[in-house]
Amino acid sequence: MPITLWHGTKEWTETEYTNICREDFSWKPRHMPADIESKYVIFLYEEVRAILDALERHYPGGKEKELIFFRNAERILGL
């Protein structure tokens, strides 16, 4: 979970991806200009967006969204 709270984006190749983040870690692969890094959102938003995009593509009815997001939250919170 800690990685999902960094601000950044991912770059993809045929075989791997790289996390490009705004935070100044020693392993940071490269620095982007400040105006680009200022637009980064937390990775968690990117992950949720990817799930929603995949659900829309494969299950456009919306029932699966309810099961994954709402019903799981209900179950976890004991509602």
PDB file of N, CA and C in Angstrom:
ATOM      1  N   MET A   1       0.803  -1.207   0.000  1.00  0.00           N
ATOM      2  CA  MET A   1       0.000   0.000   0.000  1.00  0.00           C
ATOM      3  C   MET A   1       0.847   1.273   0.000  1.00  0.00           C
ATOM      4  N   PRO A   2       2.031   1.328   0.625  1.00  0.00           N
ATOM      5  CA  PRO A   2       2.761   2.604   0.631  1.00  0.00           C
ATOM      6  C   PRO A   2       3.045   3.153  -0.766  1.00  0.00           C
ATOM      7  N   ILE A   3       3.324   2.282  -1.723  1.00  0.00           N
ATOM      8  CA  ILE A   3       3.625   2.755  -3.082  1.00  0.00           C
ATOM      9  C   ILE A   3       2.429   3.496  -3.666  1.00  0.00           C
ATOM     10  N   THR A   4       1.223   3.060  -3.347  1.00  0.00           N
ATOM     11  CA  THR A   4       0.041   3.694  -3.935  1.00  0.00           C
ATOM     12  C   THR A   4      -0.183   5.104  -3.420  1.00  0.00           C
ATOM     13  N   LEU A   5       0.534   5.526  -2.374  1.00  0.00           N
ATOM     14  CA  LEU A   5       0.395   6.883  -1.853  1.00  0.00           C
ATOM     15  C   LEU A   5       1.432   7.842  -2.414  1.00  0.00           C
ATOM     16  N   TRP A   6       2.343   7.356  -3.246  1.00  0.00           N
ATOM     17  CA  TRP A   6       3.285   8.243  -3.927  1.00  0.00           C
ATOM     18  C   TRP A   6       2.561   8.945  -5.061  1.00  0.00           C
ATOM     19  N   HIS A   7       3.071  10.079  -5.467  1.00  0.00           N
ATOM     20  CA  HIS A   7       2.540  10.810  -6.617  1.00  0.00           C
ATOM     21  C   HIS A   7       3.360  10.417  -7.839  1.00  0.00           C
ATOM     22  N   GLY A   8       2.687   9.987  -8.883  1.00  0.00           N
ATOM     23  CA  GLY A   8       3.453   9.625 -10.066  1.00  0.00           C
ATOM     24  C   GLY A   8       2.639   9.004 -11.164  1.00  0.00           C
ATOM     25  N   THR A   9       3.362   8.333 -12.033  1.00  0.00           N
ATOM     26  CA  THR A   9       2.766   7.644 -13.162  1.00  0.00           C
ATOM     27  C   THR A   9       3.626   6.430 -13.462  1.00  0.00           C
ATOM     28  N   LYS A  10       3.194   5.619 -14.393  1.00  0.00           N
ATOM     29  CA  LYS A  10       3.956   4.445 -14.801  1.00  0.00           C
ATOM     30  C   LYS A  10       4.336   4.583 -16.270  1.00  0.00           C
ATOM     31  N   GLU A  11       5.507   4.096 -16.583  1.00  0.00           N
ATOM     32  CA  GLU A  11       5.915   3.990 -17.988  1.00  0.00           C
ATOM     33  C   GLU A  11       6.029   2.516 -18.311  1.00  0.00           C
ATOM     34  N   TRP A  12       5.461   2.119 -19.460  1.00  0.00           N
ATOM     35  CA  TRP A  12       5.401   0.715 -19.853  1.00  0.00           C
ATOM     36  C   TRP A  12       6.287   0.439 -21.048  1.00  0.00           C
ATOM     37  N   THR A  13       6.900  -0.754 -21.053  1.00  0.00           N
ATOM     38  CA  THR A  13       7.565  -1.285 -22.245  1.00  0.00           C
ATOM     39  C   THR A  13       6.885  -2.610 -22.558  1.00  0.00           C
ATOM     40  N   GLU A  14       7.439  -3.361 -23.471  1.00  0.00           N
ATOM     41  CA  GLU A  14       6.863  -4.662 -23.811  1.00  0.00           C
ATOM     42  C   GLU A  14       6.915  -5.641 -22.642  1.00  0.00           C
ATOM     43  N   THR A  15       7.901  -5.500 -21.760  1.00  0.00           N
ATOM     44  CA  THR A  15       8.113  -6.516 -20.726  1.00  0.00           C
ATOM     45  C   THR A  15       8.063  -6.009 -19.289  1.00  0.00           C
ATOM     46  N   GLU A  16       8.026  -4.698 -19.067  1.00  0.00           N
ATOM     47  CA  GLU A  16       8.076  -4.202 -17.695  1.00  0.00           C
ATOM     48  C   GLU A  16       7.507  -2.792 -17.606  1.00  0.00           C
ATOM     49  N   TYR A  17       7.359  -2.344 -16.375  1.00  0.00           N
ATOM     50  CA  TYR A  17       6.953  -0.962 -16.162  1.00  0.00           C
ATOM     51  C   TYR A  17       7.853  -0.331 -15.117  1.00  0.00           C
ATOM     52  N   THR A  18       7.914   0.984 -15.138  1.00  0.00           N
ATOM     53  CA  THR A  18       8.703   1.751 -14.186  1.00  0.00           C
ATOM     54  C   THR A  18       7.789   2.755 -13.513  1.00  0.00           C
ATOM     55  N   ASN A  19       7.878   2.826 -12.189  1.00  0.00           N
ATOM     56  CA  ASN A  19       7.153   3.853 -11.457  1.00  0.00           C
ATOM     57  C   ASN A  19       7.952   5.147 -11.537  1.00  0.00           C
ATOM     58  N   ILE A  20       7.342   6.184 -12.066  1.00  0.00           N
ATOM     59  CA  ILE A  20       7.956   7.508 -12.129  1.00  0.00           C
ATOM     60  C   ILE A  20       7.254   8.338 -11.064  1.00  0.00           C
ATOM     61  N   CYS A  21       7.981   8.792 -10.051  1.00  0.00           N
ATOM     62  CA  CYS A  21       7.316   9.463  -8.936  1.00  0.00           C
ATOM     63  C   CYS A  21       7.871  10.866  -8.711  1.00  0.00           C
ATOM     64  N   ARG A  22       7.070  11.668  -8.024  1.00  0.00           N
ATOM     65  CA  ARG A  22       7.444  13.036  -7.704  1.00  0.00           C
ATOM     66  C   ARG A  22       8.357  13.080  -6.480  1.00  0.00           C
ATOM     67  N   GLU A  23       8.147  12.156  -5.536  1.00  0.00           N
ATOM     68  CA  GLU A  23       8.935  12.146  -4.315  1.00  0.00           C
ATOM     69  C   GLU A  23      10.407  11.886  -4.630  1.00  0.00           C
ATOM     70  N   ASP A  24      11.279  12.430  -3.817  1.00  0.00           N
ATOM     71  CA  ASP A  24      12.717  12.388  -4.096  1.00  0.00           C
ATOM     72  C   ASP A  24      13.383  11.194  -3.415  1.00  0.00           C
ATOM     73  N   PHE A  25      13.185  10.003  -3.976  1.00  0.00           N
ATOM     74  CA  PHE A  25      13.811   8.800  -3.453  1.00  0.00           C
ATOM     75  C   PHE A  25      15.182   8.610  -4.089  1.00  0.00           C
ATOM     76  N   SER A  26      16.074   7.938  -3.372  1.00  0.00           N
ATOM     77  CA  SER A  26      17.431   7.721  -3.897  1.00  0.00           C
ATOM     78  C   SER A  26      17.422   6.851  -5.149  1.00  0.00           C
ATOM     79  N   TRP A  27      16.432   5.978  -5.290  1.00  0.00           N
ATOM     80  CA  TRP A  27      16.356   5.081  -6.439  1.00  0.00           C
ATOM     81  C   TRP A  27      15.562   5.670  -7.602  1.00  0.00           C
ATOM     82  N   LYS A  28      15.095   6.892  -7.444  1.00  0.00           N
ATOM     83  CA  LYS A  28      14.270   7.523  -8.484  1.00  0.00           C
ATOM     84  C   LYS A  28      15.002   7.461  -9.824  1.00  0.00           C
ATOM     85  N   PRO A  29      14.376   6.876 -10.862  1.00  0.00           N
ATOM     86  CA  PRO A  29      15.095   6.661 -12.122  1.00  0.00           C
ATOM     87  C   PRO A  29      15.498   7.952 -12.836  1.00  0.00           C
ATOM     88  N   ARG A  30      14.676   8.969 -12.721  1.00  0.00           N
ATOM     89  CA  ARG A  30      15.017  10.259 -13.347  1.00  0.00           C
ATOM     90  C   ARG A  30      14.049  11.319 -12.846  1.00  0.00           C
ATOM     91  N   HIS A  31      14.461  12.535 -12.993  1.00  0.00           N
ATOM     92  CA  HIS A  31      13.613  13.655 -12.588  1.00  0.00           C
ATOM     93  C   HIS A  31      12.947  14.244 -13.824  1.00  0.00           C
ATOM     94  N   MET A  32      11.670  14.517 -13.687  1.00  0.00           N
ATOM     95  CA  MET A  32      10.927  15.176 -14.756  1.00  0.00           C
ATOM     96  C   MET A  32      10.830  16.655 -14.396  1.00  0.00           C
ATOM     97  N   PRO A  33      10.545  17.512 -15.369  1.00  0.00           N
ATOM     98  CA  PRO A  33      10.366  18.936 -15.051  1.00  0.00           C
ATOM     99  C   PRO A  33       9.266  19.128 -14.007  1.00  0.00           C
ATOM    100  N   ALA A  34       9.410  20.153 -13.181  1.00  0.00           N
ATOM    101  CA  ALA A  34       8.482  20.410 -12.074  1.00  0.00           C
ATOM    102  C   ALA A  34       7.048  20.581 -12.554  1.00  0.00           C
ATOM    103  N   ASP A  35       6.843  21.198 -13.729  1.00  0.00           N
ATOM    104  CA  ASP A  35       5.474  21.397 -14.207  1.00  0.00           C
ATOM    105  C   ASP A  35       4.805  20.072 -14.560  1.00  0.00           C
ATOM    106  N   ILE A  36       5.573  19.070 -14.959  1.00  0.00           N
ATOM    107  CA  ILE A  36       5.012  17.739 -15.233  1.00  0.00           C
ATOM    108  C   ILE A  36       4.757  17.009 -13.921  1.00  0.00           C
ATOM    109  N   GLU A  37       5.750  17.008 -13.027  1.00  0.00           N
ATOM    110  CA  GLU A  37       5.587  16.320 -11.752  1.00  0.00           C
ATOM    111  C   GLU A  37       4.458  16.917 -10.912  1.00  0.00           C
ATOM    112  N   SER A  38       4.181  18.199 -11.069  1.00  0.00           N
ATOM    113  CA  SER A  38       3.115  18.826 -10.285  1.00  0.00           C
ATOM    114  C   SER A  38       1.739  18.295 -10.671  1.00  0.00           C
ATOM    115  N   LYS A  39       1.612  17.667 -11.834  1.00  0.00           N
ATOM    116  CA  LYS A  39       0.334  17.124 -12.296  1.00  0.00           C
ATOM    117  C   LYS A  39       0.138  15.664 -11.906  1.00  0.00           C
ATOM    118  N   TYR A  40       1.150  15.037 -11.306  1.00  0.00           N
ATOM    119  CA  TYR A  40       1.017  13.643 -10.899  1.00  0.00           C
ATOM    120  C   TYR A  40      -0.030  13.507  -9.792  1.00  0.00           C
ATOM    121  N   VAL A  41      -0.788  12.443  -9.852  1.00  0.00           N
ATOM    122  CA  VAL A  41      -1.730  12.104  -8.785  1.00  0.00           C
ATOM    123  C   VAL A  41      -1.169  10.886  -8.053  1.00  0.00           C
ATOM    124  N   ILE A  42      -1.779  10.525  -6.913  1.00  0.00           N
ATOM    125  CA  ILE A  42      -1.261   9.363  -6.201  1.00  0.00           C
ATOM    126  C   ILE A  42      -1.559   8.100  -7.015  1.00  0.00           C
ATOM    127  N   PHE A  43      -0.669   7.132  -6.899  1.00  0.00           N
ATOM    128  CA  PHE A  43      -0.811   5.897  -7.668  1.00  0.00           C
ATOM    129  C   PHE A  43      -2.132   5.187  -7.379  1.00  0.00           C
ATOM    130  N   LEU A  44      -2.659   5.337  -6.187  1.00  0.00           N
ATOM    131  CA  LEU A  44      -3.933   4.699  -5.855  1.00  0.00           C
ATOM    132  C   LEU A  44      -5.028   5.148  -6.821  1.00  0.00           C
ATOM    133  N   TYR A  45      -5.057   6.423  -7.174  1.00  0.00           N
ATOM    134  CA  TYR A  45      -6.037   6.907  -8.151  1.00  0.00           C
ATOM    135  C   TYR A  45      -5.839   6.231  -9.503  1.00  0.00           C
ATOM    136  N   GLU A  46      -4.570   6.072  -9.893  1.00  0.00           N
ATOM    137  CA  GLU A  46      -4.270   5.397 -11.162  1.00  0.00           C
ATOM    138  C   GLU A  46      -4.771   3.950 -11.130  1.00  0.00           C
ATOM    139  N   GLU A  47      -4.569   3.270  -9.997  1.00  0.00           N
ATOM    140  CA  GLU A  47      -4.997   1.876  -9.870  1.00  0.00           C
ATOM    141  C   GLU A  47      -6.520   1.764  -9.930  1.00  0.00           C
ATOM    142  N   VAL A  48      -7.217   2.620  -9.215  1.00  0.00           N
ATOM    143  CA  VAL A  48      -8.686   2.588  -9.229  1.00  0.00           C
ATOM    144  C   VAL A  48      -9.214   2.907 -10.623  1.00  0.00           C
ATOM    145  N   ARG A  49      -8.604   3.882 -11.276  1.00  0.00           N
ATOM    146  CA  ARG A  49      -9.031   4.217 -12.646  1.00  0.00           C
ATOM    147  C   ARG A  49      -8.838   3.034 -13.581  1.00  0.00           C
ATOM    148  N   ALA A  50      -7.740   2.309 -13.443  1.00  0.00           N
ATOM    149  CA  ALA A  50      -7.493   1.142 -14.293  1.00  0.00           C
ATOM    150  C   ALA A  50      -8.541   0.057 -14.049  1.00  0.00           C
ATOM    151  N   ILE A  51      -8.910  -0.152 -12.782  1.00  0.00           N
ATOM    152  CA  ILE A  51      -9.957  -1.133 -12.469  1.00  0.00           C
ATOM    153  C   ILE A  51     -11.278  -0.709 -13.079  1.00  0.00           C
ATOM    154  N   LEU A  52     -11.634   0.565 -12.912  1.00  0.00           N
ATOM    155  CA  LEU A  52     -12.899   1.054 -13.473  1.00  0.00           C
ATOM    156  C   LEU A  52     -12.913   0.967 -14.999  1.00  0.00           C
ATOM    157  N   ASP A  53     -11.799   1.308 -15.641  1.00  0.00           N
ATOM    158  CA  ASP A  53     -11.717   1.208 -17.101  1.00  0.00           C
ATOM    159  C   ASP A  53     -11.886  -0.236 -17.559  1.00  0.00           C
ATOM    160  N   ALA A  54     -11.237  -1.176 -16.865  1.00  0.00           N
ATOM    161  CA  ALA A  54     -11.348  -2.587 -17.238  1.00  0.00           C
ATOM    162  C   ALA A  54     -12.772  -3.093 -17.035  1.00  0.00           C
ATOM    163  N   LEU A  55     -13.397  -2.705 -15.935  1.00  0.00           N
ATOM    164  CA  LEU A  55     -14.781  -3.119 -15.702  1.00  0.00           C
ATOM    165  C   LEU A  55     -15.714  -2.561 -16.766  1.00  0.00           C
ATOM    166  N   GLU A  56     -15.512  -1.317 -17.137  1.00  0.00           N
ATOM    167  CA  GLU A  56     -16.352  -0.707 -18.175  1.00  0.00           C
ATOM    168  C   GLU A  56     -16.173  -1.423 -19.512  1.00  0.00           C
ATOM    169  N   ARG A  57     -14.942  -1.822 -19.805  1.00  0.00           N
ATOM    170  CA  ARG A  57     -14.650  -2.512 -21.063  1.00  0.00           C
ATOM    171  C   ARG A  57     -15.249  -3.910 -21.087  1.00  0.00           C
ATOM    172  N   HIS A  58     -15.144  -4.639 -19.982  1.00  0.00           N
ATOM    173  CA  HIS A  58     -15.535  -6.047 -19.974  1.00  0.00           C
ATOM    174  C   HIS A  58     -16.905  -6.318 -19.366  1.00  0.00           C
ATOM    175  N   TYR A  59     -17.377  -5.428 -18.509  1.00  0.00           N
ATOM    176  CA  TYR A  59     -18.673  -5.595 -17.838  1.00  0.00           C
ATOM    177  C   TYR A  59     -19.402  -4.258 -17.792  1.00  0.00           C
ATOM    178  N   PRO A  60     -19.880  -3.782 -18.934  1.00  0.00           N
ATOM    179  CA  PRO A  60     -20.454  -2.435 -18.992  1.00  0.00           C
ATOM    180  C   PRO A  60     -21.740  -2.245 -18.193  1.00  0.00           C
ATOM    181  N   GLY A  61     -22.350  -3.294 -17.687  1.00  0.00           N
ATOM    182  CA  GLY A  61     -23.610  -3.160 -16.960  1.00  0.00           C
ATOM    183  C   GLY A  61     -23.513  -2.466 -15.614  1.00  0.00           C
ATOM    184  N   GLY A  62     -22.363  -2.523 -14.967  1.00  0.00           N
ATOM    185  CA  GLY A  62     -22.184  -1.834 -13.703  1.00  0.00           C
ATOM    186  C   GLY A  62     -22.322  -2.697 -12.462  1.00  0.00           C
ATOM    187  N   LYS A  63     -22.865  -3.903 -12.577  1.00  0.00           N
ATOM    188  CA  LYS A  63     -23.059  -4.769 -11.410  1.00  0.00           C
ATOM    189  C   LYS A  63     -21.721  -5.106 -10.750  1.00  0.00           C
ATOM    190  N   GLU A  64     -20.700  -5.386 -11.539  1.00  0.00           N
ATOM    191  CA  GLU A  64     -19.391  -5.745 -10.995  1.00  0.00           C
ATOM    192  C   GLU A  64     -18.762  -4.588 -10.232  1.00  0.00           C
ATOM    193  N   LYS A  65     -18.970  -3.355 -10.702  1.00  0.00           N
ATOM    194  CA  LYS A  65     -18.476  -2.186  -9.968  1.00  0.00           C
ATOM    195  C   LYS A  65     -19.082  -2.142  -8.577  1.00  0.00           C
ATOM    196  N   GLU A  66     -20.380  -2.387  -8.514  1.00  0.00           N
ATOM    197  CA  GLU A  66     -21.067  -2.388  -7.218  1.00  0.00           C
ATOM    198  C   GLU A  66     -20.498  -3.474  -6.311  1.00  0.00           C
ATOM    199  N   LEU A  67     -20.282  -4.663  -6.860  1.00  0.00           N
ATOM    200  CA  LEU A  67     -19.758  -5.759  -6.054  1.00  0.00           C
ATOM    201  C   LEU A  67     -18.358  -5.457  -5.538  1.00  0.00           C
ATOM    202  N   ILE A  68     -17.511  -4.948  -6.397  1.00  0.00           N
ATOM    203  CA  ILE A  68     -16.118  -4.702  -6.018  1.00  0.00           C
ATOM    204  C   ILE A  68     -15.991  -3.533  -5.061  1.00  0.00           C
ATOM    205  N   PHE A  69     -16.615  -2.433  -5.354  1.00  0.00           N
ATOM    206  CA  PHE A  69     -16.404  -1.228  -4.556  1.00  0.00           C
ATOM    207  C   PHE A  69     -17.394  -1.102  -3.391  1.00  0.00           C
ATOM    208  N   PHE A  70     -18.674  -1.181  -3.656  1.00  0.00           N
ATOM    209  CA  PHE A  70     -19.669  -0.946  -2.625  1.00  0.00           C
ATOM    210  C   PHE A  70     -19.840  -2.149  -1.698  1.00  0.00           C
ATOM    211  N   ARG A  71     -20.067  -3.311  -2.267  1.00  0.00           N
ATOM    212  CA  ARG A  71     -20.333  -4.496  -1.435  1.00  0.00           C
ATOM    213  C   ARG A  71     -19.099  -4.892  -0.626  1.00  0.00           C
ATOM    214  N   ASN A  72     -17.911  -4.804  -1.197  1.00  0.00           N
ATOM    215  CA  ASN A  72     -16.707  -5.094  -0.417  1.00  0.00           C
ATOM    216  C   ASN A  72     -16.547  -4.114   0.731  1.00  0.00           C
ATOM    217  N   ALA A  73     -16.806  -2.844   0.482  1.00  0.00           N
ATOM    218  CA  ALA A  73     -16.718  -1.835   1.552  1.00  0.00           C
ATOM    219  C   ALA A  73     -17.738  -2.128   2.649  1.00  0.00           C
ATOM    220  N   GLU A  74     -18.940  -2.490   2.253  1.00  0.00           N
ATOM    221  CA  GLU A  74     -19.962  -2.865   3.233  1.00  0.00           C
ATOM    222  C   GLU A  74     -19.490  -4.024   4.109  1.00  0.00           C
ATOM    223  N   ARG A  75     -18.950  -5.037   3.449  1.00  0.00           N
ATOM    224  CA  ARG A  75     -18.497  -6.226   4.164  1.00  0.00           C
ATOM    225  C   ARG A  75     -17.336  -5.882   5.104  1.00  0.00           C
ATOM    226  N   ILE A  76     -16.369  -5.136   4.626  1.00  0.00           N
ATOM    227  CA  ILE A  76     -15.205  -4.774   5.440  1.00  0.00           C
ATOM    228  C   ILE A  76     -15.614  -3.939   6.644  1.00  0.00           C
ATOM    229  N   LEU A  77     -16.521  -2.998   6.436  1.00  0.00           N
ATOM    230  CA  LEU A  77     -16.957  -2.118   7.508  1.00  0.00           C
ATOM    231  C   LEU A  77     -18.038  -2.722   8.391  1.00  0.00           C
ATOM    232  N   GLY A  78     -18.507  -3.901   8.019  1.00  0.00           N
ATOM    233  CA  GLY A  78     -19.522  -4.565   8.817  1.00  0.00           C
ATOM    234  C   GLY A  78     -20.889  -3.907   8.765  1.00  0.00           C
ATOM    235  N   LEU A  79     -21.212  -3.309   7.638  1.00  0.00           N
ATOM    236  CA  LEU A  79     -22.497  -2.625   7.501  1.00  0.00           C
ATOM    237  C   LEU A  79     -23.603  -3.574   7.079  1.00  0.00           C
TER     238      LEU A  79
END
